[in-house]
Amino acid sequence: MLDANKKITISGEDALEALAEIEFMLVSLRKMGTYYIDKPCEDYQRATTDFIDNARITSRLAKVRGLITAGFDTTLGDDDMDDLERYMQGLEFWKPT
């Protein structure tokens, strides 16, 4: 890891914006889970899918990622990757079964 990335800073405004987005998603999903606890699973699944689509959750998460990663130095290392790429390379993403 680059020394510059061992400690990054984020403005209070950006941190609050990121936290507000995360709070919206977490509280909404928790409320949905509580509401649908005694209802058919299919209804819960449909509601969460609709929420993810209609509330643009992937766009909101991309925004949060951008706010957090803006402070990183993205200089490429000897492996032609920056610290973020290197750290994320082992993630296993969803794929159809």
C-alpha atoms as a PDB file:
ATOM      1  CA  MET A   1       0.000   0.000   0.000  1.00  0.00           C
ATOM      2  CA  LEU A   2       1.258   3.465  -0.841  1.00  0.00           C
ATOM      3  CA  ASP A   3       2.114   5.577   2.183  1.00  0.00           C
ATOM      4  CA  ALA A   4      -0.304   8.194   0.828  1.00  0.00           C
ATOM      5  CA  ASN A   5      -3.151   5.678   1.135  1.00  0.00           C
ATOM      6  CA  LYS A   6      -2.438   4.594   4.690  1.00  0.00           C
ATOM      7  CA  LYS A   7      -4.465   7.564   5.850  1.00  0.00           C
ATOM      8  CA  ILE A   8      -6.961   9.323   3.631  1.00  0.00           C
ATOM      9  CA  THR A   9      -9.224  12.227   4.426  1.00  0.00           C
ATOM     10  CA  ILE A  10     -12.782  12.895   3.437  1.00  0.00           C
ATOM     11  CA  SER A  11     -14.525  16.200   3.967  1.00  0.00           C
ATOM     12  CA  GLY A  12     -17.236  16.355   6.580  1.00  0.00           C
ATOM     13  CA  GLU A  13     -19.728  17.253   3.856  1.00  0.00           C
ATOM     14  CA  ASP A  14     -18.789  14.193   1.762  1.00  0.00           C
ATOM     15  CA  ALA A  15     -18.839  11.952   4.834  1.00  0.00           C
ATOM     16  CA  LEU A  16     -22.305  13.179   5.785  1.00  0.00           C
ATOM     17  CA  GLU A  17     -23.538  12.696   2.226  1.00  0.00           C
ATOM     18  CA  ALA A  18     -22.191   9.130   2.163  1.00  0.00           C
ATOM     19  CA  LEU A  19     -23.657   8.368   5.595  1.00  0.00           C
ATOM     20  CA  ALA A  20     -27.059   9.754   4.592  1.00  0.00           C
ATOM     21  CA  GLU A  21     -27.153   7.477   1.543  1.00  0.00           C
ATOM     22  CA  ILE A  22     -26.132   4.446   3.614  1.00  0.00           C
ATOM     23  CA  GLU A  23     -28.675   5.316   6.313  1.00  0.00           C
ATOM     24  CA  PHE A  24     -31.459   5.610   3.710  1.00  0.00           C
ATOM     25  CA  MET A  25     -30.657   2.176   2.321  1.00  0.00           C
ATOM     26  CA  LEU A  26     -30.124   0.372   5.635  1.00  0.00           C
ATOM     27  CA  VAL A  27     -33.150   1.796   7.430  1.00  0.00           C
ATOM     28  CA  SER A  28     -35.402   1.275   4.410  1.00  0.00           C
ATOM     29  CA  LEU A  29     -34.315  -2.346   4.031  1.00  0.00           C
ATOM     30  CA  ARG A  30     -34.704  -2.953   7.771  1.00  0.00           C
ATOM     31  CA  LYS A  31     -38.219  -1.480   7.710  1.00  0.00           C
ATOM     32  CA  MET A  32     -39.088  -3.644   4.733  1.00  0.00           C
ATOM     33  CA  GLY A  33     -37.774  -6.734   6.516  1.00  0.00           C
ATOM     34  CA  THR A  34     -39.821  -5.909   9.602  1.00  0.00           C
ATOM     35  CA  TYR A  35     -42.966  -5.164   7.594  1.00  0.00           C
ATOM     36  CA  TYR A  36     -42.749  -8.392   5.597  1.00  0.00           C
ATOM     37  CA  ILE A  37     -41.665 -10.671   8.464  1.00  0.00           C
ATOM     38  CA  ASP A  38     -45.055 -12.416   8.639  1.00  0.00           C
ATOM     39  CA  LYS A  39     -45.974 -12.070   4.969  1.00  0.00           C
ATOM     40  CA  PRO A  40     -45.167 -14.332   2.019  1.00  0.00           C
ATOM     41  CA  CYS A  41     -41.498 -14.405   1.052  1.00  0.00           C
ATOM     42  CA  GLU A  42     -42.406 -13.651  -2.565  1.00  0.00           C
ATOM     43  CA  ASP A  43     -43.964 -10.333  -1.493  1.00  0.00           C
ATOM     44  CA  TYR A  44     -40.786  -9.387   0.373  1.00  0.00           C
ATOM     45  CA  GLN A  45     -38.630 -10.363  -2.569  1.00  0.00           C
ATOM     46  CA  ARG A  46     -40.745  -8.311  -4.968  1.00  0.00           C
ATOM     47  CA  ALA A  47     -40.727  -5.284  -2.634  1.00  0.00           C
ATOM     48  CA  THR A  48     -36.963  -5.363  -2.168  1.00  0.00           C
ATOM     49  CA  THR A  49     -36.368  -5.768  -5.896  1.00  0.00           C
ATOM     50  CA  ASP A  50     -38.709  -2.854  -6.611  1.00  0.00           C
ATOM     51  CA  PHE A  51     -36.965  -0.765  -3.940  1.00  0.00           C
ATOM     52  CA  ILE A  52     -33.523  -1.498  -5.378  1.00  0.00           C
ATOM     53  CA  ASP A  53     -34.711  -0.541  -8.859  1.00  0.00           C
ATOM     54  CA  ASN A  54     -36.970   2.407  -8.059  1.00  0.00           C
ATOM     55  CA  ALA A  55     -34.694   4.028  -5.465  1.00  0.00           C
ATOM     56  CA  ARG A  56     -31.683   3.639  -7.783  1.00  0.00           C
ATOM     57  CA  ILE A  57     -29.736   1.782  -5.099  1.00  0.00           C
ATOM     58  CA  THR A  58     -26.868   0.822  -7.391  1.00  0.00           C
ATOM     59  CA  SER A  59     -26.410   4.483  -8.387  1.00  0.00           C
ATOM     60  CA  ARG A  60     -26.505   5.523  -4.747  1.00  0.00           C
ATOM     61  CA  LEU A  61     -23.892   2.917  -3.844  1.00  0.00           C
ATOM     62  CA  ALA A  62     -21.700   4.055  -6.732  1.00  0.00           C
ATOM     63  CA  LYS A  63     -21.987   7.608  -5.398  1.00  0.00           C
ATOM     64  CA  VAL A  64     -20.898   6.465  -1.915  1.00  0.00           C
ATOM     65  CA  ARG A  65     -18.003   4.525  -3.420  1.00  0.00           C
ATOM     66  CA  GLY A  66     -16.937   7.651  -5.315  1.00  0.00           C
ATOM     67  CA  LEU A  67     -17.068   9.801  -2.183  1.00  0.00           C
ATOM     68  CA  ILE A  68     -14.930   7.323  -0.256  1.00  0.00           C
ATOM     69  CA  THR A  69     -12.399   6.570  -2.990  1.00  0.00           C
ATOM     70  CA  ALA A  70     -11.825  10.187  -4.067  1.00  0.00           C
ATOM     71  CA  GLY A  71      -9.048  10.627  -1.502  1.00  0.00           C
ATOM     72  CA  PHE A  72      -6.959   7.651  -2.626  1.00  0.00           C
ATOM     73  CA  ASP A  73      -3.768   8.003  -4.614  1.00  0.00           C
ATOM     74  CA  THR A  74      -4.332   5.818  -7.674  1.00  0.00           C
ATOM     75  CA  THR A  75      -0.722   5.621  -8.802  1.00  0.00           C
ATOM     76  CA  LEU A  76      -0.085   2.267 -10.450  1.00  0.00           C
ATOM     77  CA  GLY A  77       2.369  -0.145  -8.845  1.00  0.00           C
ATOM     78  CA  ASP A  78       4.745  -2.611 -10.485  1.00  0.00           C
ATOM     79  CA  ASP A  79       1.757  -4.898 -11.082  1.00  0.00           C
ATOM     80  CA  ASP A  80      -0.050  -2.173 -13.109  1.00  0.00           C
ATOM     81  CA  MET A  81      -2.719  -1.896 -10.417  1.00  0.00           C
ATOM     82  CA  ASP A  82      -3.458   0.808  -7.907  1.00  0.00           C
ATOM     83  CA  ASP A  83      -4.084   0.054  -4.232  1.00  0.00           C
ATOM     84  CA  LEU A  84      -7.856  -0.062  -4.722  1.00  0.00           C
ATOM     85  CA  GLU A  85      -7.677  -2.519  -7.616  1.00  0.00           C
ATOM     86  CA  ARG A  86      -5.188  -4.681  -5.763  1.00  0.00           C
ATOM     87  CA  TYR A  87      -7.342  -4.836  -2.634  1.00  0.00           C
ATOM     88  CA  MET A  88     -10.538  -5.596  -4.575  1.00  0.00           C
ATOM     89  CA  GLN A  89      -9.085  -8.191  -6.939  1.00  0.00           C
ATOM     90  CA  GLY A  90      -9.959 -11.134  -4.681  1.00  0.00           C
ATOM     91  CA  LEU A  91     -13.655 -10.298  -4.378  1.00  0.00           C
ATOM     92  CA  GLU A  92     -16.013 -12.915  -5.687  1.00  0.00           C
ATOM     93  CA  PHE A  93     -18.973 -11.347  -7.443  1.00  0.00           C
ATOM     94  CA  TRP A  94     -22.407 -12.776  -8.059  1.00  0.00           C
ATOM     95  CA  LYS A  95     -22.817 -14.850 -11.168  1.00  0.00           C
ATOM     96  CA  PRO A  96     -25.652 -16.956 -12.444  1.00  0.00           C
ATOM     97  CA  THR A  97     -25.671 -20.506 -11.203  1.00  0.00           C
END
